[in-house]
């Protein structure tokens, strides 16, 4: 669902130029996903591009806002008040666009894929006023004053659950009429996960247990990504992460909101989609690469996940289309 034509109205005037123009200038696949900064106080946006030179990312920022970045691929940095926030692949971070200079660059000659969540100061005040003491200092300042200075938070590895958000944020699993409310819930969820900072109090046992469970799930996800075509079974996974298969199964479902087989299927299909989008793999090759031995099962699962058969899966970026055309395979490869 793209509303690029209306979304530019949400951008403030002044040092920041209109967002559509910023990303169009680098040939980016930019897509508004949900929400409206002006009407709702939040907005989700998707970015996918490869630039020939460094990109001045700060020109798309809103004044008087916090922006969260879920960085799936590519490298960049945001600088404010003498502090630098570095973005590496599979990292999350946030920055405050307030009074004073804030600069941002995306590196040249790299593929960049990331989601930004723009949050107005008013939205944060409305939802976080009773929680100011637990917020990161730069966010505290914005919630408390219209004259807060620009600043950056810390970067954190994307959790396995946050990485899984890539698909659902781009394709919300709710009716159109409920999408604004759904995206608002996701915005608040990310605020609580990323903008709060831990207290200095001694951790309770349950907090330590949650952290250990989270670490185990992260390790399982890394193993599955590495061994996608021949993943280990539940027994072996339990041994590799140091817990019983039954406990691992329950922990994984609790952390990820889906079972291990469901998550493995999602990983395989998303990887297959990347291979097809690259133009270097036909349907059969992509299916075998991610561990499917039955082409019919793969096609059915792919259609359920993406809403089209793999042979017709669209390539989403200009650079990929150009690459396929240069290879002389613009008409598609037989699958």
C-alpha atoms as a PDB file:
ATOM      1  CA  UNK A   1       0.000   0.000   0.000  1.00  0.00           C
ATOM      2  CA  UNK A   2       1.774   3.123  -1.166  1.00  0.00           C
ATOM      3  CA  UNK A   3       0.622   6.664  -0.427  1.00  0.00           C
ATOM      4  CA  UNK A   4       3.700   8.514  -1.591  1.00  0.00           C
ATOM      5  CA  UNK A   5       1.661  11.246  -3.261  1.00  0.00           C
ATOM      6  CA  UNK A   6       0.085  12.370   0.018  1.00  0.00           C
ATOM      7  CA  UNK A   7       2.908  11.542   2.362  1.00  0.00           C
ATOM      8  CA  UNK A   8       5.085  14.479   1.363  1.00  0.00           C
ATOM      9  CA  UNK A   9       2.525  16.784   3.004  1.00  0.00           C
ATOM     10  CA  UNK A  10       3.547  15.316   6.353  1.00  0.00           C
ATOM     11  CA  UNK A  11       7.104  16.625   6.066  1.00  0.00           C
ATOM     12  CA  UNK A  12       8.003  19.850   7.823  1.00  0.00           C
ATOM     13  CA  UNK A  13       9.389  22.753   5.860  1.00  0.00           C
ATOM     14  CA  UNK A  14      12.806  24.168   6.609  1.00  0.00           C
ATOM     15  CA  UNK A  15      16.191  22.421   6.449  1.00  0.00           C
ATOM     16  CA  UNK A  16      14.659  19.054   5.604  1.00  0.00           C
ATOM     17  CA  UNK A  17      13.527  18.672   2.005  1.00  0.00           C
ATOM     18  CA  UNK A  18      10.514  16.618   1.040  1.00  0.00           C
ATOM     19  CA  UNK A  19      11.174  12.956   1.538  1.00  0.00           C
ATOM     20  CA  UNK A  20      10.004  11.695  -1.826  1.00  0.00           C
ATOM     21  CA  UNK A  21      12.474  13.985  -3.592  1.00  0.00           C
ATOM     22  CA  UNK A  22      15.339  12.835  -1.359  1.00  0.00           C
ATOM     23  CA  UNK A  23      14.910   9.167  -2.204  1.00  0.00           C
ATOM     24  CA  UNK A  24      13.931   9.698  -5.838  1.00  0.00           C
ATOM     25  CA  UNK A  25      17.235  11.491  -6.362  1.00  0.00           C
ATOM     26  CA  UNK A  26      19.152   8.276  -5.588  1.00  0.00           C
ATOM     27  CA  UNK A  27      16.776   5.986  -7.479  1.00  0.00           C
ATOM     28  CA  UNK A  28      15.581   4.388  -4.263  1.00  0.00           C
ATOM     29  CA  UNK A  29      12.659   2.052  -3.844  1.00  0.00           C
ATOM     30  CA  UNK A  30      10.906   4.133  -1.176  1.00  0.00           C
ATOM     31  CA  UNK A  31       7.488   3.087   0.071  1.00  0.00           C
ATOM     32  CA  UNK A  32       5.193   4.471   2.724  1.00  0.00           C
ATOM     33  CA  UNK A  33       3.913   1.500   4.740  1.00  0.00           C
ATOM     34  CA  UNK A  34       1.475   2.896   7.288  1.00  0.00           C
ATOM     35  CA  UNK A  35       0.487   5.761   9.562  1.00  0.00           C
ATOM     36  CA  UNK A  36       0.798   9.484   8.927  1.00  0.00           C
ATOM     37  CA  UNK A  37       3.246  11.716  10.756  1.00  0.00           C
ATOM     38  CA  UNK A  38       0.935  14.719  10.532  1.00  0.00           C
ATOM     39  CA  UNK A  39      -2.376  13.015  11.336  1.00  0.00           C
ATOM     40  CA  UNK A  40      -1.359  10.160  13.623  1.00  0.00           C
ATOM     41  CA  UNK A  41       2.064  11.207  14.904  1.00  0.00           C
ATOM     42  CA  UNK A  42       3.868   8.189  13.443  1.00  0.00           C
ATOM     43  CA  UNK A  43       4.830   6.833  10.042  1.00  0.00           C
ATOM     44  CA  UNK A  44       6.485   3.610   8.824  1.00  0.00           C
ATOM     45  CA  UNK A  45       8.568   3.708   5.630  1.00  0.00           C
ATOM     46  CA  UNK A  46      10.538   1.149   3.634  1.00  0.00           C
ATOM     47  CA  UNK A  47      13.800   1.906   1.790  1.00  0.00           C
ATOM     48  CA  UNK A  48      15.701  -0.275  -0.672  1.00  0.00           C
ATOM     49  CA  UNK A  49      18.465   1.142  -2.883  1.00  0.00           C
ATOM     50  CA  UNK A  50      22.074   1.059  -4.000  1.00  0.00           C
ATOM     51  CA  UNK A  51      23.634   4.481  -4.554  1.00  0.00           C
ATOM     52  CA  UNK A  52      26.625   5.414  -6.659  1.00  0.00           C
ATOM     53  CA  UNK A  53      27.795   7.924  -4.043  1.00  0.00           C
ATOM     54  CA  UNK A  54      27.212   8.596  -0.348  1.00  0.00           C
ATOM     55  CA  UNK A  55      23.622   9.652   0.385  1.00  0.00           C
ATOM     56  CA  UNK A  56      22.764  12.558   2.697  1.00  0.00           C
ATOM     57  CA  UNK A  57      20.124  10.749   4.689  1.00  0.00           C
ATOM     58  CA  UNK A  58      19.358  13.619   7.092  1.00  0.00           C
ATOM     59  CA  UNK A  59      17.444  15.587   4.452  1.00  0.00           C
ATOM     60  CA  UNK A  60      14.476  13.266   5.011  1.00  0.00           C
ATOM     61  CA  UNK A  61      14.276  13.795   8.806  1.00  0.00           C
ATOM     62  CA  UNK A  62      11.397  15.539  10.598  1.00  0.00           C
ATOM     63  CA  UNK A  63      12.118  18.398  12.994  1.00  0.00           C
ATOM     64  CA  UNK A  64      10.870  17.696  16.524  1.00  0.00           C
ATOM     65  CA  UNK A  65      10.792  13.920  16.249  1.00  0.00           C
ATOM     66  CA  UNK A  66      12.427  10.635  17.123  1.00  0.00           C
ATOM     67  CA  UNK A  67      13.216   8.290  14.252  1.00  0.00           C
ATOM     68  CA  UNK A  68      13.825   4.579  14.781  1.00  0.00           C
ATOM     69  CA  UNK A  69      15.772   2.725  12.108  1.00  0.00           C
ATOM     70  CA  UNK A  70      15.601  -1.049  11.675  1.00  0.00           C
ATOM     71  CA  UNK A  71      18.643  -1.613   9.478  1.00  0.00           C
ATOM     72  CA  UNK A  72      18.541  -4.942   7.678  1.00  0.00           C
ATOM     73  CA  UNK A  73      21.296  -4.333   5.133  1.00  0.00           C
ATOM     74  CA  UNK A  74      23.888  -1.636   4.373  1.00  0.00           C
ATOM     75  CA  UNK A  75      25.943   0.744   6.491  1.00  0.00           C
ATOM     76  CA  UNK A  76      25.517   4.336   7.591  1.00  0.00           C
ATOM     77  CA  UNK A  77      25.851   6.767  10.445  1.00  0.00           C
ATOM     78  CA  UNK A  78      24.004   9.587  12.167  1.00  0.00           C
ATOM     79  CA  UNK A  79      25.928  12.347  13.974  1.00  0.00           C
ATOM     80  CA  UNK A  80      24.556  14.878  16.473  1.00  0.00           C
ATOM     81  CA  UNK A  81      26.050  16.852  19.378  1.00  0.00           C
ATOM     82  CA  UNK A  82      29.459  15.300  18.713  1.00  0.00           C
ATOM     83  CA  UNK A  83      28.159  11.724  19.070  1.00  0.00           C
ATOM     84  CA  UNK A  84      28.049   9.180  16.256  1.00  0.00           C
ATOM     85  CA  UNK A  85      25.518   6.375  15.868  1.00  0.00           C
ATOM     86  CA  UNK A  86      26.816   3.663  13.530  1.00  0.00           C
ATOM     87  CA  UNK A  87      24.446   1.392  11.620  1.00  0.00           C
ATOM     88  CA  UNK A  88      25.653  -2.036  10.532  1.00  0.00           C
ATOM     89  CA  UNK A  89      23.595  -4.821   8.972  1.00  0.00           C
ATOM     90  CA  UNK A  90      20.922  -6.205  11.318  1.00  0.00           C
ATOM     91  CA  UNK A  91      21.221  -3.338  13.771  1.00  0.00           C
ATOM     92  CA  UNK A  92      18.590  -1.014  15.224  1.00  0.00           C
ATOM     93  CA  UNK A  93      19.014   2.499  16.566  1.00  0.00           C
ATOM     94  CA  UNK A  94      17.278   5.830  17.051  1.00  0.00           C
ATOM     95  CA  UNK A  95      18.030   9.533  16.888  1.00  0.00           C
ATOM     96  CA  UNK A  96      16.308  12.761  17.899  1.00  0.00           C
ATOM     97  CA  UNK A  97      15.853  15.530  15.354  1.00  0.00           C
ATOM     98  CA  UNK A  98      15.669  18.658  17.488  1.00  0.00           C
ATOM     99  CA  UNK A  99      17.550  21.925  17.858  1.00  0.00           C
ATOM    100  CA  UNK A 100      21.049  21.880  16.397  1.00  0.00           C
ATOM    101  CA  UNK A 101      22.733  20.113  13.524  1.00  0.00           C
ATOM    102  CA  UNK A 102      22.119  16.460  12.788  1.00  0.00           C
ATOM    103  CA  UNK A 103      23.824  14.780   9.843  1.00  0.00           C
ATOM    104  CA  UNK A 104      23.500  11.324   8.348  1.00  0.00           C
ATOM    105  CA  UNK A 105      25.142   9.402   5.533  1.00  0.00           C
ATOM    106  CA  UNK A 106      24.519   6.110   3.783  1.00  0.00           C
ATOM    107  CA  UNK A 107      27.592   4.461   2.254  1.00  0.00           C
ATOM    108  CA  UNK A 108      28.081   4.331  -1.511  1.00  0.00           C
ATOM    109  CA  UNK A 109      28.204   1.107  -3.550  1.00  0.00           C
ATOM    110  CA  UNK A 110      26.277  -0.945  -0.997  1.00  0.00           C
ATOM    111  CA  UNK A 111      22.753  -2.333  -0.994  1.00  0.00           C
ATOM    112  CA  UNK A 112      20.684  -0.585   1.687  1.00  0.00           C
ATOM    113  CA  UNK A 113      17.457  -2.054   3.050  1.00  0.00           C
ATOM    114  CA  UNK A 114      15.887  -0.540   6.140  1.00  0.00           C
ATOM    115  CA  UNK A 115      12.624   0.526   7.748  1.00  0.00           C
ATOM    116  CA  UNK A 116      12.235   3.881   9.486  1.00  0.00           C
ATOM    117  CA  UNK A 117       9.609   4.664  12.111  1.00  0.00           C
ATOM    118  CA  UNK A 118       9.049   8.406  12.526  1.00  0.00           C
ATOM    119  CA  UNK A 119       7.509   9.484  15.852  1.00  0.00           C
ATOM    120  CA  UNK A 120       6.396  13.017  16.661  1.00  0.00           C
ATOM    121  CA  UNK A 121       7.097  14.578  20.052  1.00  0.00           C
ATOM    122  CA  UNK A 122       3.341  14.880  20.614  1.00  0.00           C
ATOM    123  CA  UNK A 123       2.819  11.167  19.948  1.00  0.00           C
ATOM    124  CA  UNK A 124       5.527  10.314  22.486  1.00  0.00           C
ATOM    125  CA  UNK A 125       4.099  12.681  25.096  1.00  0.00           C
ATOM    126  CA  UNK A 126       0.651  11.200  24.647  1.00  0.00           C
ATOM    127  CA  UNK A 127       1.838   7.637  25.194  1.00  0.00           C
ATOM    128  CA  UNK A 128       4.936   7.989  27.397  1.00  0.00           C
ATOM    129  CA  UNK A 129       4.250  10.867  29.775  1.00  0.00           C
ATOM    130  CA  UNK A 130       4.059   8.544  32.784  1.00  0.00           C
ATOM    131  CA  UNK A 131       7.237   6.703  31.777  1.00  0.00           C
ATOM    132  CA  UNK A 132       9.702   9.550  31.286  1.00  0.00           C
ATOM    133  CA  UNK A 133      12.026   8.365  34.053  1.00  0.00           C
ATOM    134  CA  UNK A 134      12.746   5.138  32.144  1.00  0.00           C
ATOM    135  CA  UNK A 135      13.399   6.718  28.745  1.00  0.00           C
ATOM    136  CA  UNK A 136      16.805   7.274  27.165  1.00  0.00           C
ATOM    137  CA  UNK A 137      18.018  10.804  28.094  1.00  0.00           C
ATOM    138  CA  UNK A 138      17.763  12.215  24.548  1.00  0.00           C
ATOM    139  CA  UNK A 139      14.163  10.991  24.318  1.00  0.00           C
ATOM    140  CA  UNK A 140      13.395  12.308  27.809  1.00  0.00           C
ATOM    141  CA  UNK A 141      14.522  15.739  26.674  1.00  0.00           C
ATOM    142  CA  UNK A 142      12.264  15.708  23.597  1.00  0.00           C
ATOM    143  CA  UNK A 143       9.231  14.561  25.587  1.00  0.00           C
ATOM    144  CA  UNK A 144       9.859  17.316  28.124  1.00  0.00           C
ATOM    145  CA  UNK A 145      10.617  20.279  25.866  1.00  0.00           C
ATOM    146  CA  UNK A 146       9.951  21.681  22.403  1.00  0.00           C
ATOM    147  CA  UNK A 147      13.524  23.006  22.425  1.00  0.00           C
ATOM    148  CA  UNK A 148      15.285  19.674  22.944  1.00  0.00           C
ATOM    149  CA  UNK A 149      18.586  19.316  21.148  1.00  0.00           C
ATOM    150  CA  UNK A 150      19.335  16.787  18.436  1.00  0.00           C
ATOM    151  CA  UNK A 151      20.971  13.615  19.696  1.00  0.00           C
ATOM    152  CA  UNK A 152      21.547   9.927  19.080  1.00  0.00           C
ATOM    153  CA  UNK A 153      20.861   6.783  21.066  1.00  0.00           C
ATOM    154  CA  UNK A 154      22.793   3.525  21.072  1.00  0.00           C
ATOM    155  CA  UNK A 155      22.726   0.905  18.331  1.00  0.00           C
ATOM    156  CA  UNK A 156      21.573  -2.594  19.238  1.00  0.00           C
ATOM    157  CA  UNK A 157      21.487  -5.891  17.339  1.00  0.00           C
ATOM    158  CA  UNK A 158      18.094  -6.578  15.821  1.00  0.00           C
ATOM    159  CA  UNK A 159      16.416  -9.299  17.839  1.00  0.00           C
ATOM    160  CA  UNK A 160      15.169 -12.360  16.014  1.00  0.00           C
ATOM    161  CA  UNK A 161      11.610 -11.126  16.474  1.00  0.00           C
ATOM    162  CA  UNK A 162      12.500  -7.683  15.092  1.00  0.00           C
ATOM    163  CA  UNK A 163      14.125  -9.297  12.063  1.00  0.00           C
ATOM    164  CA  UNK A 164      10.916 -11.242  11.511  1.00  0.00           C
ATOM    165  CA  UNK A 165       9.051  -7.903  11.454  1.00  0.00           C
ATOM    166  CA  UNK A 166      10.548  -7.149   8.028  1.00  0.00           C
ATOM    167  CA  UNK A 167       7.919  -9.240   6.314  1.00  0.00           C
ATOM    168  CA  UNK A 168       4.921  -8.358   8.464  1.00  0.00           C
ATOM    169  CA  UNK A 169       5.527  -4.587   8.439  1.00  0.00           C
ATOM    170  CA  UNK A 170       5.603  -4.634   4.652  1.00  0.00           C
ATOM    171  CA  UNK A 171       2.549  -6.893   4.433  1.00  0.00           C
ATOM    172  CA  UNK A 172       0.364  -6.276   7.519  1.00  0.00           C
ATOM    173  CA  UNK A 173      -1.754  -9.335   8.416  1.00  0.00           C
ATOM    174  CA  UNK A 174      -4.913  -7.297   9.087  1.00  0.00           C
ATOM    175  CA  UNK A 175      -7.742  -5.756   7.080  1.00  0.00           C
ATOM    176  CA  UNK A 176      -7.116  -2.361   5.483  1.00  0.00           C
ATOM    177  CA  UNK A 177      -9.563  -0.703   7.899  1.00  0.00           C
ATOM    178  CA  UNK A 178      -7.476  -1.817  10.885  1.00  0.00           C
ATOM    179  CA  UNK A 179      -4.004  -1.074   9.568  1.00  0.00           C
ATOM    180  CA  UNK A 180      -3.538   2.346  11.205  1.00  0.00           C
ATOM    181  CA  UNK A 181      -4.319   0.833  14.607  1.00  0.00           C
ATOM    182  CA  UNK A 182      -2.066  -2.152  13.873  1.00  0.00           C
ATOM    183  CA  UNK A 183       0.865   0.076  12.875  1.00  0.00           C
ATOM    184  CA  UNK A 184       0.302   2.255  15.952  1.00  0.00           C
ATOM    185  CA  UNK A 185       0.574  -0.843  18.154  1.00  0.00           C
ATOM    186  CA  UNK A 186       3.815  -1.800  16.394  1.00  0.00           C
ATOM    187  CA  UNK A 187       5.171   1.738  16.874  1.00  0.00           C
ATOM    188  CA  UNK A 188       4.502   1.602  20.626  1.00  0.00           C
ATOM    189  CA  UNK A 189       6.000  -1.889  20.775  1.00  0.00           C
ATOM    190  CA  UNK A 190       9.241  -0.668  19.179  1.00  0.00           C
ATOM    191  CA  UNK A 191       9.297   2.394  21.446  1.00  0.00           C
ATOM    192  CA  UNK A 192       9.187   0.176  24.530  1.00  0.00           C
ATOM    193  CA  UNK A 193      11.845  -2.162  23.144  1.00  0.00           C
ATOM    194  CA  UNK A 194      14.303   0.495  21.939  1.00  0.00           C
ATOM    195  CA  UNK A 195      13.729   3.869  23.639  1.00  0.00           C
ATOM    196  CA  UNK A 196      13.659   2.678  27.247  1.00  0.00           C
ATOM    197  CA  UNK A 197      16.929   2.158  29.074  1.00  0.00           C
ATOM    198  CA  UNK A 198      17.500  -0.408  31.838  1.00  0.00           C
ATOM    199  CA  UNK A 199      17.656   0.746  35.436  1.00  0.00           C
ATOM    200  CA  UNK A 200      20.770   0.286  37.548  1.00  0.00           C
ATOM    201  CA  UNK A 201      18.904  -1.989  39.941  1.00  0.00           C
ATOM    202  CA  UNK A 202      20.070  -5.552  40.357  1.00  0.00           C
ATOM    203  CA  UNK A 203      18.382  -7.869  37.878  1.00  0.00           C
ATOM    204  CA  UNK A 204      15.790 -10.219  39.268  1.00  0.00           C
ATOM    205  CA  UNK A 205      15.915 -13.916  38.505  1.00  0.00           C
ATOM    206  CA  UNK A 206      13.055 -13.704  35.994  1.00  0.00           C
ATOM    207  CA  UNK A 207      14.839 -10.937  34.078  1.00  0.00           C
ATOM    208  CA  UNK A 208      18.001 -13.048  33.846  1.00  0.00           C
ATOM    209  CA  UNK A 209      15.934 -16.023  32.703  1.00  0.00           C
ATOM    210  CA  UNK A 210      14.302 -13.925  29.992  1.00  0.00           C
ATOM    211  CA  UNK A 211      17.685 -12.716  28.803  1.00  0.00           C
ATOM    212  CA  UNK A 212      19.023 -16.273  28.640  1.00  0.00           C
ATOM    213  CA  UNK A 213      15.937 -17.441  26.742  1.00  0.00           C
ATOM    214  CA  UNK A 214      16.350 -14.559  24.308  1.00  0.00           C
ATOM    215  CA  UNK A 215      20.022 -15.440  23.761  1.00  0.00           C
ATOM    216  CA  UNK A 216      19.105 -19.059  23.035  1.00  0.00           C
ATOM    217  CA  UNK A 217      16.519 -18.044  20.473  1.00  0.00           C
ATOM    218  CA  UNK A 218      19.024 -15.686  18.819  1.00  0.00           C
ATOM    219  CA  UNK A 219      21.484 -18.568  18.542  1.00  0.00           C
ATOM    220  CA  UNK A 220      18.838 -20.860  17.040  1.00  0.00           C
ATOM    221  CA  UNK A 221      17.940 -18.235  14.443  1.00  0.00           C
ATOM    222  CA  UNK A 222      21.615 -17.819  13.508  1.00  0.00           C
ATOM    223  CA  UNK A 223      21.973 -21.602  13.115  1.00  0.00           C
ATOM    224  CA  UNK A 224      18.869 -21.849  10.942  1.00  0.00           C
ATOM    225  CA  UNK A 225      20.054 -19.007   8.706  1.00  0.00           C
ATOM    226  CA  UNK A 226      23.444 -20.656   8.297  1.00  0.00           C
ATOM    227  CA  UNK A 227      22.047 -24.131   7.583  1.00  0.00           C
ATOM    228  CA  UNK A 228      18.895 -23.171   5.735  1.00  0.00           C
ATOM    229  CA  UNK A 229      18.963 -25.927   3.117  1.00  0.00           C
ATOM    230  CA  UNK A 230      19.709 -28.684   5.680  1.00  0.00           C
ATOM    231  CA  UNK A 231      18.568 -27.403   9.091  1.00  0.00           C
ATOM    232  CA  UNK A 232      19.225 -29.443  12.246  1.00  0.00           C
ATOM    233  CA  UNK A 233      16.317 -31.119  13.995  1.00  0.00           C
ATOM    234  CA  UNK A 234      14.864 -30.040  17.320  1.00  0.00           C
ATOM    235  CA  UNK A 235      16.996 -32.524  19.290  1.00  0.00           C
ATOM    236  CA  UNK A 236      20.233 -31.219  17.770  1.00  0.00           C
ATOM    237  CA  UNK A 237      19.181 -27.588  18.177  1.00  0.00           C
ATOM    238  CA  UNK A 238      18.491 -28.198  21.858  1.00  0.00           C
ATOM    239  CA  UNK A 239      21.933 -29.728  22.271  1.00  0.00           C
ATOM    240  CA  UNK A 240      23.598 -26.827  20.439  1.00  0.00           C
ATOM    241  CA  UNK A 241      21.991 -24.163  22.643  1.00  0.00           C
ATOM    242  CA  UNK A 242      22.098 -26.112  25.912  1.00  0.00           C
ATOM    243  CA  UNK A 243      18.496 -26.948  26.779  1.00  0.00           C
ATOM    244  CA  UNK A 244      15.911 -29.684  26.286  1.00  0.00           C
ATOM    245  CA  UNK A 245      14.037 -29.858  22.973  1.00  0.00           C
ATOM    246  CA  UNK A 246      10.714 -29.393  24.768  1.00  0.00           C
ATOM    247  CA  UNK A 247      11.917 -26.275  26.602  1.00  0.00           C
ATOM    248  CA  UNK A 248      13.471 -24.878  23.425  1.00  0.00           C
ATOM    249  CA  UNK A 249      10.241 -25.393  21.492  1.00  0.00           C
ATOM    250  CA  UNK A 250       8.203 -23.540  24.134  1.00  0.00           C
ATOM    251  CA  UNK A 251      10.785 -20.764  24.516  1.00  0.00           C
ATOM    252  CA  UNK A 252      11.067 -20.198  20.775  1.00  0.00           C
ATOM    253  CA  UNK A 253       7.298 -19.987  20.314  1.00  0.00           C
ATOM    254  CA  UNK A 254       7.016 -17.541  23.222  1.00  0.00           C
ATOM    255  CA  UNK A 255       9.824 -15.285  21.934  1.00  0.00           C
ATOM    256  CA  UNK A 256       8.949 -15.362  18.239  1.00  0.00           C
ATOM    257  CA  UNK A 257       5.181 -15.740  18.243  1.00  0.00           C
ATOM    258  CA  UNK A 258       5.433 -18.774  15.943  1.00  0.00           C
ATOM    259  CA  UNK A 259       6.701 -22.342  16.093  1.00  0.00           C
ATOM    260  CA  UNK A 260      10.147 -23.420  14.923  1.00  0.00           C
ATOM    261  CA  UNK A 261       8.787 -25.091  11.752  1.00  0.00           C
ATOM    262  CA  UNK A 262       6.740 -21.978  10.942  1.00  0.00           C
ATOM    263  CA  UNK A 263       9.779 -19.733  11.371  1.00  0.00           C
ATOM    264  CA  UNK A 264      11.995 -22.025   9.297  1.00  0.00           C
ATOM    265  CA  UNK A 265       9.407 -21.965   6.533  1.00  0.00           C
ATOM    266  CA  UNK A 266       9.311 -18.144   6.662  1.00  0.00           C
ATOM    267  CA  UNK A 267      13.116 -17.935   6.486  1.00  0.00           C
ATOM    268  CA  UNK A 268      13.231 -20.275   3.506  1.00  0.00           C
ATOM    269  CA  UNK A 269      10.548 -18.429   1.583  1.00  0.00           C
ATOM    270  CA  UNK A 270      12.062 -14.989   2.238  1.00  0.00           C
ATOM    271  CA  UNK A 271      15.467 -16.265   1.129  1.00  0.00           C
ATOM    272  CA  UNK A 272      13.905 -17.798  -1.986  1.00  0.00           C
ATOM    273  CA  UNK A 273      12.226 -14.471  -2.751  1.00  0.00           C
ATOM    274  CA  UNK A 274      15.613 -12.725  -2.525  1.00  0.00           C
ATOM    275  CA  UNK A 275      17.142 -15.253  -4.923  1.00  0.00           C
ATOM    276  CA  UNK A 276      14.306 -14.869  -7.427  1.00  0.00           C
ATOM    277  CA  UNK A 277      14.435 -11.093  -7.160  1.00  0.00           C
ATOM    278  CA  UNK A 278      18.153 -11.145  -7.964  1.00  0.00           C
ATOM    279  CA  UNK A 279      17.400 -12.599 -11.417  1.00  0.00           C
ATOM    280  CA  UNK A 280      20.204 -15.159 -10.979  1.00  0.00           C
ATOM    281  CA  UNK A 281      17.993 -18.095  -9.967  1.00  0.00           C
ATOM    282  CA  UNK A 282      15.008 -19.689 -11.624  1.00  0.00           C
ATOM    283  CA  UNK A 283      12.166 -21.193  -9.583  1.00  0.00           C
ATOM    284  CA  UNK A 284      13.621 -24.695  -9.410  1.00  0.00           C
ATOM    285  CA  UNK A 285      17.071 -23.440  -8.416  1.00  0.00           C
ATOM    286  CA  UNK A 286      15.669 -21.144  -5.718  1.00  0.00           C
ATOM    287  CA  UNK A 287      13.509 -23.935  -4.284  1.00  0.00           C
ATOM    288  CA  UNK A 288      16.432 -26.358  -4.081  1.00  0.00           C
ATOM    289  CA  UNK A 289      18.776 -23.699  -2.678  1.00  0.00           C
ATOM    290  CA  UNK A 290      16.541 -23.174   0.369  1.00  0.00           C
ATOM    291  CA  UNK A 291      15.861 -26.858   0.988  1.00  0.00           C
ATOM    292  CA  UNK A 292      12.618 -27.663  -0.853  1.00  0.00           C
ATOM    293  CA  UNK A 293      12.689 -31.015  -2.663  1.00  0.00           C
ATOM    294  CA  UNK A 294       9.145 -30.688  -4.025  1.00  0.00           C
ATOM    295  CA  UNK A 295       8.549 -27.878  -6.499  1.00  0.00           C
ATOM    296  CA  UNK A 296       4.776 -28.090  -6.037  1.00  0.00           C
ATOM    297  CA  UNK A 297       5.075 -27.734  -2.251  1.00  0.00           C
ATOM    298  CA  UNK A 298       7.424 -24.794  -2.722  1.00  0.00           C
ATOM    299  CA  UNK A 299       5.090 -23.061  -5.181  1.00  0.00           C
ATOM    300  CA  UNK A 300       2.091 -23.533  -2.899  1.00  0.00           C
ATOM    301  CA  UNK A 301       3.949 -22.230   0.173  1.00  0.00           C
ATOM    302  CA  UNK A 302       5.364 -19.294  -1.804  1.00  0.00           C
ATOM    303  CA  UNK A 303       1.919 -18.322  -3.082  1.00  0.00           C
ATOM    304  CA  UNK A 304       0.496 -18.443   0.459  1.00  0.00           C
ATOM    305  CA  UNK A 305       3.317 -16.220   1.746  1.00  0.00           C
ATOM    306  CA  UNK A 306       3.608 -13.638  -1.054  1.00  0.00           C
ATOM    307  CA  UNK A 307       0.273 -13.834  -2.856  1.00  0.00           C
ATOM    308  CA  UNK A 308       1.679 -14.857  -6.243  1.00  0.00           C
ATOM    309  CA  UNK A 309       3.375 -17.870  -7.767  1.00  0.00           C
ATOM    310  CA  UNK A 310       7.200 -17.788  -7.682  1.00  0.00           C
ATOM    311  CA  UNK A 311       7.484 -17.656 -11.477  1.00  0.00           C
ATOM    312  CA  UNK A 312       5.698 -14.287 -11.508  1.00  0.00           C
ATOM    313  CA  UNK A 313       7.326 -12.840  -8.400  1.00  0.00           C
ATOM    314  CA  UNK A 314       8.117  -9.178  -9.204  1.00  0.00           C
ATOM    315  CA  UNK A 315      11.587  -7.743  -8.919  1.00  0.00           C
ATOM    316  CA  UNK A 316      11.307  -4.815  -6.567  1.00  0.00           C
ATOM    317  CA  UNK A 317      14.260  -2.522  -7.314  1.00  0.00           C
ATOM    318  CA  UNK A 318      15.584  -0.670 -10.315  1.00  0.00           C
ATOM    319  CA  UNK A 319      19.167  -1.974  -9.934  1.00  0.00           C
ATOM    320  CA  UNK A 320      17.916  -5.566  -9.953  1.00  0.00           C
ATOM    321  CA  UNK A 321      15.862  -5.017 -13.106  1.00  0.00           C
ATOM    322  CA  UNK A 322      18.884  -3.435 -14.782  1.00  0.00           C
ATOM    323  CA  UNK A 323      21.065  -6.374 -13.775  1.00  0.00           C
ATOM    324  CA  UNK A 324      18.620  -8.864 -15.216  1.00  0.00           C
ATOM    325  CA  UNK A 325      18.339  -6.900 -18.456  1.00  0.00           C
ATOM    326  CA  UNK A 326      22.130  -6.746 -18.782  1.00  0.00           C
ATOM    327  CA  UNK A 327      22.256 -10.529 -18.409  1.00  0.00           C
ATOM    328  CA  UNK A 328      19.818 -10.919 -21.293  1.00  0.00           C
ATOM    329  CA  UNK A 329      17.333 -12.673 -19.018  1.00  0.00           C
ATOM    330  CA  UNK A 330      14.699  -9.961 -18.793  1.00  0.00           C
ATOM    331  CA  UNK A 331      12.093 -12.321 -20.094  1.00  0.00           C
ATOM    332  CA  UNK A 332      12.573 -14.696 -17.163  1.00  0.00           C
ATOM    333  CA  UNK A 333      14.126 -18.102 -16.794  1.00  0.00           C
ATOM    334  CA  UNK A 334      12.216 -21.319 -17.015  1.00  0.00           C
ATOM    335  CA  UNK A 335      11.446 -22.870 -13.682  1.00  0.00           C
END
